[in-house]
Full PDB file with SEQRES, HELIX, SHEET, SSBOND, CRYST1, ORIGX, SCALE, CONECT and MASTER records, all heavy atoms in Angstrom:
SEQRES   1 A   33  GLN ALA ARG GLN ASP ALA GLY PHE LEU ALA VAL GLN GLY          
SEQRES   2 A   33  LYS LEU GLN HIS ALA LEU GLN ARG ILE ASN TYR ALA ILE          
SEQRES   3 A   33  GLU ASN ASP PRO LEU ASP PRO                                  
HELIX    1 AA1 ALA A    2  VAL A   11  1                                  10    
HELIX    2 AA2 LEU A   15  ASN A   28  1                                  14    
CRYST1    1.000    1.000    1.000  90.00  90.00  90.00 P 1           1          
ORIGX1      1.000000  0.000000  0.000000        0.00000                         
ORIGX2      0.000000  1.000000  0.000000        0.00000                         
ORIGX3      0.000000  0.000000  1.000000        0.00000                         
SCALE1      1.000000  0.000000  0.000000        0.00000                         
SCALE2      0.000000  1.000000  0.000000        0.00000                         
SCALE3      0.000000  0.000000  1.000000        0.00000                         
ATOM      1  N   GLN A   1    -120.715-112.916   9.331  1.00  0.00           N  
ATOM      2  CA  GLN A   1    -121.165-113.960  10.262  1.00  0.00           C  
ATOM      3  C   GLN A   1    -121.079-113.453  11.705  1.00  0.00           C  
ATOM      4  O   GLN A   1    -121.985-113.672  12.514  1.00  0.00           O  
ATOM      5  CB  GLN A   1    -120.334-115.238  10.098  1.00  0.00           C  
ATOM      6  CG  GLN A   1    -120.767-116.370  11.015  1.00  0.00           C  
ATOM      7  CD  GLN A   1    -122.199-116.809  10.787  1.00  0.00           C  
ATOM      8  OE1 GLN A   1    -122.601-117.055   9.654  1.00  0.00           O  
ATOM      9  NE2 GLN A   1    -122.982-116.898  11.852  1.00  0.00           N  
ATOM     10  N   ALA A   2    -120.001-112.765  12.025  1.00  0.00           N  
ATOM     11  CA  ALA A   2    -119.843-112.217  13.375  1.00  0.00           C  
ATOM     12  C   ALA A   2    -120.919-111.166  13.655  1.00  0.00           C  
ATOM     13  O   ALA A   2    -121.446-111.089  14.771  1.00  0.00           O  
ATOM     14  CB  ALA A   2    -118.446-111.615  13.539  1.00  0.00           C  
ATOM     15  N   ARG A   3    -121.266-110.357  12.637  1.00  0.00           N  
ATOM     16  CA  ARG A   3    -122.328-109.359  12.814  1.00  0.00           C  
ATOM     17  C   ARG A   3    -123.656-110.047  13.071  1.00  0.00           C  
ATOM     18  O   ARG A   3    -124.434-109.633  13.933  1.00  0.00           O  
ATOM     19  CB  ARG A   3    -122.442-108.458  11.589  1.00  0.00           C  
ATOM     20  CG  ARG A   3    -123.408-107.306  11.821  1.00  0.00           C  
ATOM     21  CD  ARG A   3    -123.902-106.682  10.532  1.00  0.00           C  
ATOM     22  NE  ARG A   3    -124.697-105.505  10.749  1.00  0.00           N  
ATOM     23  CZ  ARG A   3    -125.890-105.489  11.336  1.00  0.00           C  
ATOM     24  NH1 ARG A   3    -126.407-106.589  11.810  1.00  0.00           N  
ATOM     25  NH2 ARG A   3    -126.570-104.371  11.476  1.00  0.00           N  
ATOM     26  N   GLN A   4    -123.925-111.100  12.338  1.00  0.00           N  
ATOM     27  CA  GLN A   4    -125.167-111.848  12.534  1.00  0.00           C  
ATOM     28  C   GLN A   4    -125.195-112.462  13.941  1.00  0.00           C  
ATOM     29  O   GLN A   4    -126.218-112.386  14.630  1.00  0.00           O  
ATOM     30  CB  GLN A   4    -125.289-112.940  11.472  1.00  0.00           C  
ATOM     31  CG  GLN A   4    -126.620-113.637  11.484  1.00  0.00           C  
ATOM     32  CD  GLN A   4    -126.731-114.654  10.349  1.00  0.00           C  
ATOM     33  OE1 GLN A   4    -125.733-115.044   9.733  1.00  0.00           O  
ATOM     34  NE2 GLN A   4    -127.944-115.081  10.079  1.00  0.00           N  
ATOM     35  N   ASP A   5    -124.088-113.036  14.367  1.00  0.00           N  
ATOM     36  CA  ASP A   5    -124.000-113.596  15.723  1.00  0.00           C  
ATOM     37  C   ASP A   5    -124.243-112.504  16.769  1.00  0.00           C  
ATOM     38  O   ASP A   5    -124.945-112.717  17.750  1.00  0.00           O  
ATOM     39  CB  ASP A   5    -122.627-114.222  15.969  1.00  0.00           C  
ATOM     40  CG  ASP A   5    -122.354-115.442  15.097  1.00  0.00           C  
ATOM     41  OD1 ASP A   5    -123.313-115.981  14.486  1.00  0.00           O  
ATOM     42  OD2 ASP A   5    -121.171-115.830  15.010  1.00  0.00           O  
ATOM     43  N   ALA A   6    -123.646-111.342  16.541  1.00  0.00           N  
ATOM     44  CA  ALA A   6    -123.820-110.226  17.476  1.00  0.00           C  
ATOM     45  C   ALA A   6    -125.284-109.809  17.560  1.00  0.00           C  
ATOM     46  O   ALA A   6    -125.786-109.489  18.644  1.00  0.00           O  
ATOM     47  CB  ALA A   6    -122.941-109.042  17.044  1.00  0.00           C  
ATOM     48  N   GLY A   7    -125.970-109.803  16.438  1.00  0.00           N  
ATOM     49  CA  GLY A   7    -127.389-109.462  16.432  1.00  0.00           C  
ATOM     50  C   GLY A   7    -128.205-110.433  17.275  1.00  0.00           C  
ATOM     51  O   GLY A   7    -129.060-110.010  18.066  1.00  0.00           O  
ATOM     52  N   PHE A   8    -127.948-111.713  17.115  1.00  0.00           N  
ATOM     53  CA  PHE A   8    -128.654-112.722  17.911  1.00  0.00           C  
ATOM     54  C   PHE A   8    -128.360-112.543  19.403  1.00  0.00           C  
ATOM     55  O   PHE A   8    -129.261-112.629  20.240  1.00  0.00           O  
ATOM     56  CB  PHE A   8    -128.278-114.135  17.471  1.00  0.00           C  
ATOM     57  CG  PHE A   8    -128.826-114.524  16.126  1.00  0.00           C  
ATOM     58  CD1 PHE A   8    -128.015-115.150  15.198  1.00  0.00           C  
ATOM     59  CD2 PHE A   8    -130.152-114.276  15.786  1.00  0.00           C  
ATOM     60  CE1 PHE A   8    -128.517-115.508  13.953  1.00  0.00           C  
ATOM     61  CE2 PHE A   8    -130.659-114.637  14.547  1.00  0.00           C  
ATOM     62  CZ  PHE A   8    -129.831-115.256  13.622  1.00  0.00           C  
ATOM     63  N   LEU A   9    -127.097-112.302  19.730  1.00  0.00           N  
ATOM     64  CA  LEU A   9    -126.721-112.115  21.132  1.00  0.00           C  
ATOM     65  C   LEU A   9    -127.362-110.862  21.720  1.00  0.00           C  
ATOM     66  O   LEU A   9    -127.809-110.864  22.878  1.00  0.00           O  
ATOM     67  CB  LEU A   9    -125.197-112.061  21.262  1.00  0.00           C  
ATOM     68  CG  LEU A   9    -124.469-113.384  21.014  1.00  0.00           C  
ATOM     69  CD1 LEU A   9    -122.981-113.143  20.825  1.00  0.00           C  
ATOM     70  CD2 LEU A   9    -124.733-114.361  22.158  1.00  0.00           C  
ATOM     71  N   ALA A  10    -127.427-109.808  20.939  1.00  0.00           N  
ATOM     72  CA  ALA A  10    -128.032-108.562  21.417  1.00  0.00           C  
ATOM     73  C   ALA A  10    -129.520-108.748  21.709  1.00  0.00           C  
ATOM     74  O   ALA A  10    -130.024-108.278  22.726  1.00  0.00           O  
ATOM     75  CB  ALA A  10    -127.826-107.448  20.392  1.00  0.00           C  
ATOM     76  N   VAL A  11    -130.205-109.460  20.830  1.00  0.00           N  
ATOM     77  CA  VAL A  11    -131.634-109.730  21.037  1.00  0.00           C  
ATOM     78  C   VAL A  11    -131.847-110.553  22.308  1.00  0.00           C  
ATOM     79  O   VAL A  11    -132.828-110.359  23.023  1.00  0.00           O  
ATOM     80  CB  VAL A  11    -132.232-110.444  19.802  1.00  0.00           C  
ATOM     81  CG1 VAL A  11    -133.617-110.980  20.080  1.00  0.00           C  
ATOM     82  CG2 VAL A  11    -132.260-109.505  18.610  1.00  0.00           C  
ATOM     83  N   GLN A  12    -130.921-111.424  22.614  1.00  0.00           N  
ATOM     84  CA  GLN A  12    -131.010-112.253  23.817  1.00  0.00           C  
ATOM     85  C   GLN A  12    -130.609-111.476  25.072  1.00  0.00           C  
ATOM     86  O   GLN A  12    -130.702-111.991  26.182  1.00  0.00           O  
ATOM     87  CB  GLN A  12    -130.113-113.475  23.683  1.00  0.00           C  
ATOM     88  CG  GLN A  12    -130.553-114.439  22.612  1.00  0.00           C  
ATOM     89  CD  GLN A  12    -129.527-115.542  22.364  1.00  0.00           C  
ATOM     90  OE1 GLN A  12    -128.468-115.585  23.000  1.00  0.00           O  
ATOM     91  NE2 GLN A  12    -129.840-116.426  21.430  1.00  0.00           N  
ATOM     92  N   GLY A  13    -130.144-110.232  24.903  1.00  0.00           N  
ATOM     93  CA  GLY A  13    -129.737-109.420  26.044  1.00  0.00           C  
ATOM     94  C   GLY A  13    -128.311-109.650  26.494  1.00  0.00           C  
ATOM     95  O   GLY A  13    -127.895-109.142  27.530  1.00  0.00           O  
ATOM     96  N   LYS A  14    -127.543-110.379  25.720  1.00  0.00           N  
ATOM     97  CA  LYS A  14    -126.144-110.665  26.048  1.00  0.00           C  
ATOM     98  C   LYS A  14    -125.272-109.610  25.363  1.00  0.00           C  
ATOM     99  O   LYS A  14    -124.556-109.882  24.402  1.00  0.00           O  
ATOM    100  CB  LYS A  14    -125.768-112.073  25.599  1.00  0.00           C  
ATOM    101  CG  LYS A  14    -126.603-113.150  26.265  1.00  0.00           C  
ATOM    102  CD  LYS A  14    -126.292-114.519  25.718  1.00  0.00           C  
ATOM    103  CE  LYS A  14    -127.166-115.576  26.377  1.00  0.00           C  
ATOM    104  NZ  LYS A  14    -126.963-116.908  25.803  1.00  0.00           N  
ATOM    105  N   LEU A  15    -125.341-108.390  25.895  1.00  0.00           N  
ATOM    106  CA  LEU A  15    -124.732-107.250  25.226  1.00  0.00           C  
ATOM    107  C   LEU A  15    -123.207-107.306  25.199  1.00  0.00           C  
ATOM    108  O   LEU A  15    -122.594-106.924  24.204  1.00  0.00           O  
ATOM    109  CB  LEU A  15    -125.219-105.949  25.863  1.00  0.00           C  
ATOM    110  CG  LEU A  15    -126.737-105.728  25.841  1.00  0.00           C  
ATOM    111  CD1 LEU A  15    -127.092-104.399  26.474  1.00  0.00           C  
ATOM    112  CD2 LEU A  15    -127.280-105.816  24.426  1.00  0.00           C  
ATOM    113  N   GLN A  16    -122.590-107.762  26.277  1.00  0.00           N  
ATOM    114  CA  GLN A  16    -121.121-107.840  26.291  1.00  0.00           C  
ATOM    115  C   GLN A  16    -120.619-108.843  25.251  1.00  0.00           C  
ATOM    116  O   GLN A  16    -119.645-108.585  24.552  1.00  0.00           O  
ATOM    117  CB  GLN A  16    -120.603-108.221  27.683  1.00  0.00           C  
ATOM    118  CG  GLN A  16    -120.703-107.100  28.695  1.00  0.00           C  
ATOM    119  CD  GLN A  16    -119.788-105.929  28.385  1.00  0.00           C  
ATOM    120  OE1 GLN A  16    -118.850-106.019  27.600  1.00  0.00           O  
ATOM    121  NE2 GLN A  16    -120.064-104.796  29.001  1.00  0.00           N  
ATOM    122  N   HIS A  17    -121.308-109.949  25.131  1.00  0.00           N  
ATOM    123  CA  HIS A  17    -120.913-110.949  24.132  1.00  0.00           C  
ATOM    124  C   HIS A  17    -121.165-110.415  22.720  1.00  0.00           C  
ATOM    125  O   HIS A  17    -120.364-110.648  21.807  1.00  0.00           O  
ATOM    126  CB  HIS A  17    -121.656-112.266  24.350  1.00  0.00           C  
ATOM    127  CG  HIS A  17    -121.299-112.953  25.634  1.00  0.00           C  
ATOM    128  ND1 HIS A  17    -120.029-113.409  25.904  1.00  0.00           N  
ATOM    129  CD2 HIS A  17    -122.040-113.246  26.720  1.00  0.00           C  
ATOM    130  CE1 HIS A  17    -119.998-113.965  27.103  1.00  0.00           C  
ATOM    131  NE2 HIS A  17    -121.210-113.873  27.626  1.00  0.00           N  
ATOM    132  N   ALA A  18    -122.273-109.691  22.562  1.00  0.00           N  
ATOM    133  CA  ALA A  18    -122.565-109.086  21.259  1.00  0.00           C  
ATOM    134  C   ALA A  18    -121.475-108.085  20.892  1.00  0.00           C  
ATOM    135  O   ALA A  18    -121.032-108.024  19.738  1.00  0.00           O  
ATOM    136  CB  ALA A  18    -123.927-108.407  21.286  1.00  0.00           C  
ATOM    137  N   LEU A  19    -121.026-107.322  21.889  1.00  0.00           N  
ATOM    138  CA  LEU A  19    -119.960-106.346  21.651  1.00  0.00           C  
ATOM    139  C   LEU A  19    -118.668-107.049  21.226  1.00  0.00           C  
ATOM    140  O   LEU A  19    -117.986-106.591  20.301  1.00  0.00           O  
ATOM    141  CB  LEU A  19    -119.736-105.512  22.908  1.00  0.00           C  
ATOM    142  CG  LEU A  19    -118.734-104.380  22.808  1.00  0.00           C  
ATOM    143  CD1 LEU A  19    -119.145-103.366  21.742  1.00  0.00           C  
ATOM    144  CD2 LEU A  19    -118.591-103.685  24.162  1.00  0.00           C  
ATOM    145  N   GLN A  20    -118.352-108.171  21.831  1.00  0.00           N  
ATOM    146  CA  GLN A  20    -117.160-108.929  21.438  1.00  0.00           C  
ATOM    147  C   GLN A  20    -117.263-109.397  19.989  1.00  0.00           C  
ATOM    148  O   GLN A  20    -116.294-109.309  19.229  1.00  0.00           O  
ATOM    149  CB  GLN A  20    -116.957-110.126  22.363  1.00  0.00           C  
ATOM    150  CG  GLN A  20    -116.539-109.763  23.764  1.00  0.00           C  
ATOM    151  CD  GLN A  20    -116.551-110.958  24.708  1.00  0.00           C  
ATOM    152  OE1 GLN A  20    -117.070-112.034  24.386  1.00  0.00           O  
ATOM    153  NE2 GLN A  20    -115.973-110.760  25.888  1.00  0.00           N  
ATOM    154  N   ARG A  21    -118.423-109.883  19.606  1.00  0.00           N  
ATOM    155  CA  ARG A  21    -118.598-110.377  18.236  1.00  0.00           C  
ATOM    156  C   ARG A  21    -118.536-109.232  17.225  1.00  0.00           C  
ATOM    157  O   ARG A  21    -117.955-109.386  16.144  1.00  0.00           O  
ATOM    158  CB  ARG A  21    -119.924-111.137  18.095  1.00  0.00           C  
ATOM    159  CG  ARG A  21    -119.982-112.439  18.869  1.00  0.00           C  
ATOM    160  CD  ARG A  21    -118.872-113.408  18.510  1.00  0.00           C  
ATOM    161  NE  ARG A  21    -119.007-113.860  17.125  1.00  0.00           N  
ATOM    162  CZ  ARG A  21    -118.033-114.373  16.399  1.00  0.00           C  
ATOM    163  NH1 ARG A  21    -116.839-114.529  16.907  1.00  0.00           N  
ATOM    164  NH2 ARG A  21    -118.240-114.743  15.154  1.00  0.00           N  
ATOM    165  N   ILE A  22    -119.110-108.089  17.555  1.00  0.00           N  
ATOM    166  CA  ILE A  22    -119.082-106.979  16.594  1.00  0.00           C  
ATOM    167  C   ILE A  22    -117.670-106.405  16.506  1.00  0.00           C  
ATOM    168  O   ILE A  22    -117.251-105.946  15.439  1.00  0.00           O  
ATOM    169  CB  ILE A  22    -120.157-105.909  16.911  1.00  0.00           C  
ATOM    170  CG1 ILE A  22    -120.464-105.076  15.658  1.00  0.00           C  
ATOM    171  CG2 ILE A  22    -119.747-105.003  18.046  1.00  0.00           C  
ATOM    172  CD1 ILE A  22    -121.087-105.824  14.532  1.00  0.00           C  
ATOM    173  N   ASN A  23    -116.915-106.458  17.590  1.00  0.00           N  
ATOM    174  CA  ASN A  23    -115.512-106.040  17.520  1.00  0.00           C  
ATOM    175  C   ASN A  23    -114.726-106.952  16.585  1.00  0.00           C  
ATOM    176  O   ASN A  23    -113.895-106.490  15.804  1.00  0.00           O  
ATOM    177  CB  ASN A  23    -114.870-106.027  18.911  1.00  0.00           C  
ATOM    178  CG  ASN A  23    -115.257-104.814  19.715  1.00  0.00           C  
ATOM    179  OD1 ASN A  23    -115.595-103.761  19.166  1.00  0.00           O  
ATOM    180  ND2 ASN A  23    -115.241-104.943  21.030  1.00  0.00           N  
ATOM    181  N   TYR A  24    -115.013-108.234  16.643  1.00  0.00           N  
ATOM    182  CA  TYR A  24    -114.379-109.194  15.738  1.00  0.00           C  
ATOM    183  C   TYR A  24    -114.754-108.882  14.289  1.00  0.00           C  
ATOM    184  O   TYR A  24    -113.912-108.928  13.389  1.00  0.00           O  
ATOM    185  CB  TYR A  24    -114.776-110.629  16.119  1.00  0.00           C  
ATOM    186  CG  TYR A  24    -114.192-111.680  15.220  1.00  0.00           C  
ATOM    187  CD1 TYR A  24    -112.848-112.034  15.318  1.00  0.00           C  
ATOM    188  CD2 TYR A  24    -114.978-112.317  14.266  1.00  0.00           C  
ATOM    189  CE1 TYR A  24    -112.307-113.007  14.489  1.00  0.00           C  
ATOM    190  CE2 TYR A  24    -114.437-113.286  13.424  1.00  0.00           C  
ATOM    191  CZ  TYR A  24    -113.106-113.618  13.538  1.00  0.00           C  
ATOM    192  OH  TYR A  24    -112.562-114.578  12.706  1.00  0.00           O  
ATOM    193  N   ALA A  25    -116.009-108.554  14.075  1.00  0.00           N  
ATOM    194  CA  ALA A  25    -116.460-108.202  12.724  1.00  0.00           C  
ATOM    195  C   ALA A  25    -115.716-106.984  12.203  1.00  0.00           C  
ATOM    196  O   ALA A  25    -115.277-106.946  11.048  1.00  0.00           O  
ATOM    197  CB  ALA A  25    -117.968-107.956  12.717  1.00  0.00           C  
ATOM    198  N   ILE A  26    -115.539-105.981  13.055  1.00  0.00           N  
ATOM    199  CA  ILE A  26    -114.834-104.756  12.647  1.00  0.00           C  
ATOM    200  C   ILE A  26    -113.369-105.045  12.346  1.00  0.00           C  
ATOM    201  O   ILE A  26    -112.799-104.483  11.405  1.00  0.00           O  
ATOM    202  CB  ILE A  26    -115.001-103.654  13.712  1.00  0.00           C  
ATOM    203  CG1 ILE A  26    -116.454-103.140  13.701  1.00  0.00           C  
ATOM    204  CG2 ILE A  26    -114.024-102.508  13.490  1.00  0.00           C  
ATOM    205  CD1 ILE A  26    -116.814-102.203  14.829  1.00  0.00           C  
ATOM    206  N   GLU A  27    -112.750-105.940  13.105  1.00  0.00           N  
ATOM    207  CA  GLU A  27    -111.362-106.318  12.820  1.00  0.00           C  
ATOM    208  C   GLU A  27    -111.231-106.927  11.423  1.00  0.00           C  
ATOM    209  O   GLU A  27    -110.231-106.719  10.744  1.00  0.00           O  
ATOM    210  CB  GLU A  27    -110.866-107.336  13.856  1.00  0.00           C  
ATOM    211  CG  GLU A  27    -110.613-106.758  15.217  1.00  0.00           C  
ATOM    212  CD  GLU A  27    -110.285-107.835  16.248  1.00  0.00           C  
ATOM    213  OE1 GLU A  27    -109.982-108.991  15.857  1.00  0.00           O  
ATOM    214  OE2 GLU A  27    -110.346-107.519  17.448  1.00  0.00           O  
ATOM    215  N   ASN A  28    -112.256-107.667  11.008  1.00  0.00           N  
ATOM    216  CA  ASN A  28    -112.219-108.331   9.706  1.00  0.00           C  
ATOM    217  C   ASN A  28    -112.679-107.437   8.560  1.00  0.00           C  
ATOM    218  O   ASN A  28    -112.306-107.693   7.408  1.00  0.00           O  
ATOM    219  CB  ASN A  28    -113.069-109.611   9.731  1.00  0.00           C  
ATOM    220  CG  ASN A  28    -112.344-110.729  10.427  1.00  0.00           C  
ATOM    221  OD1 ASN A  28    -111.335-111.206   9.943  1.00  0.00           O  
ATOM    222  ND2 ASN A  28    -112.831-111.121  11.586  1.00  0.00           N  
ATOM    223  N   ASP A  29    -113.485-106.433   8.846  1.00  0.00           N  
ATOM    224  CA  ASP A  29    -113.986-105.541   7.792  1.00  0.00           C  
ATOM    225  C   ASP A  29    -114.115-104.120   8.335  1.00  0.00           C  
ATOM    226  O   ASP A  29    -115.215-103.644   8.595  1.00  0.00           O  
ATOM    227  CB  ASP A  29    -115.336-106.052   7.271  1.00  0.00           C  
ATOM    228  CG  ASP A  29    -115.785-105.325   6.013  1.00  0.00           C  
ATOM    229  OD1 ASP A  29    -115.025-104.476   5.486  1.00  0.00           O  
ATOM    230  OD2 ASP A  29    -116.912-105.611   5.554  1.00  0.00           O  
ATOM    231  N   PRO A  30    -112.974-103.440   8.512  1.00  0.00           N  
ATOM    232  CA  PRO A  30    -112.998-102.109   9.131  1.00  0.00           C  
ATOM    233  C   PRO A  30    -113.529-100.989   8.224  1.00  0.00           C  
ATOM    234  O   PRO A  30    -113.601 -99.845   8.656  1.00  0.00           O  
ATOM    235  CB  PRO A  30    -111.523-101.865   9.482  1.00  0.00           C  
ATOM    236  CG  PRO A  30    -110.769-102.683   8.486  1.00  0.00           C  
ATOM    237  CD  PRO A  30    -111.618-103.891   8.217  1.00  0.00           C  
ATOM    238  N   LEU A  31    -113.923-101.320   7.000  1.00  0.00           N  
ATOM    239  CA  LEU A  31    -114.422-100.299   6.083  1.00  0.00           C  
ATOM    240  C   LEU A  31    -115.945-100.319   5.954  1.00  0.00           C  
ATOM    241  O   LEU A  31    -116.506 -99.570   5.161  1.00  0.00           O  
ATOM    242  CB  LEU A  31    -113.785-100.471   4.702  1.00  0.00           C  
ATOM    243  CG  LEU A  31    -112.262-100.359   4.673  1.00  0.00           C  
ATOM    244  CD1 LEU A  31    -111.733-100.614   3.270  1.00  0.00           C  
ATOM    245  CD2 LEU A  31    -111.815 -99.004   5.191  1.00  0.00           C  
ATOM    246  N   ASP A  32    -116.617-101.159   6.736  1.00  0.00           N  
ATOM    247  CA  ASP A  32    -118.069-101.260   6.678  1.00  0.00           C  
ATOM    248  C   ASP A  32    -118.681-100.369   7.761  1.00  0.00           C  
ATOM    249  O   ASP A  32    -118.635-100.701   8.951  1.00  0.00           O  
ATOM    250  CB  ASP A  32    -118.497-102.718   6.881  1.00  0.00           C  
ATOM    251  CG  ASP A  32    -119.996-102.916   6.743  1.00  0.00           C  
ATOM    252  OD1 ASP A  32    -120.744-101.921   6.686  1.00  0.00           O  
ATOM    253  OD2 ASP A  32    -120.428-104.089   6.702  1.00  0.00           O  
ATOM    254  N   PRO A  33    -119.288 -99.240   7.370  1.00  0.00           N  
ATOM    255  CA  PRO A  33    -119.835 -98.329   8.376  1.00  0.00           C  
ATOM    256  C   PRO A  33    -120.998 -98.930   9.171  1.00  0.00           C  
ATOM    257  O   PRO A  33    -121.227 -98.538  10.315  1.00  0.00           O  
ATOM    258  CB  PRO A  33    -120.289 -97.114   7.565  1.00  0.00           C  
ATOM    259  CG  PRO A  33    -120.376 -97.566   6.159  1.00  0.00           C  
ATOM    260  CD  PRO A  33    -119.445 -98.724   6.012  1.00  0.00           C  
TER     261      PRO A  33                                                      
MASTER        0    0    0    2    0    0    0    6  260    1    0    3          
END                                                                             
């Protein structure tokens, strides 16, 4: 869900917010390349 949110934010040009969401995703699933 966080990855999907990050994708939407990135498309909107909100890169810092997208980075925060993808960091959250990595915290929850650090084995997904």
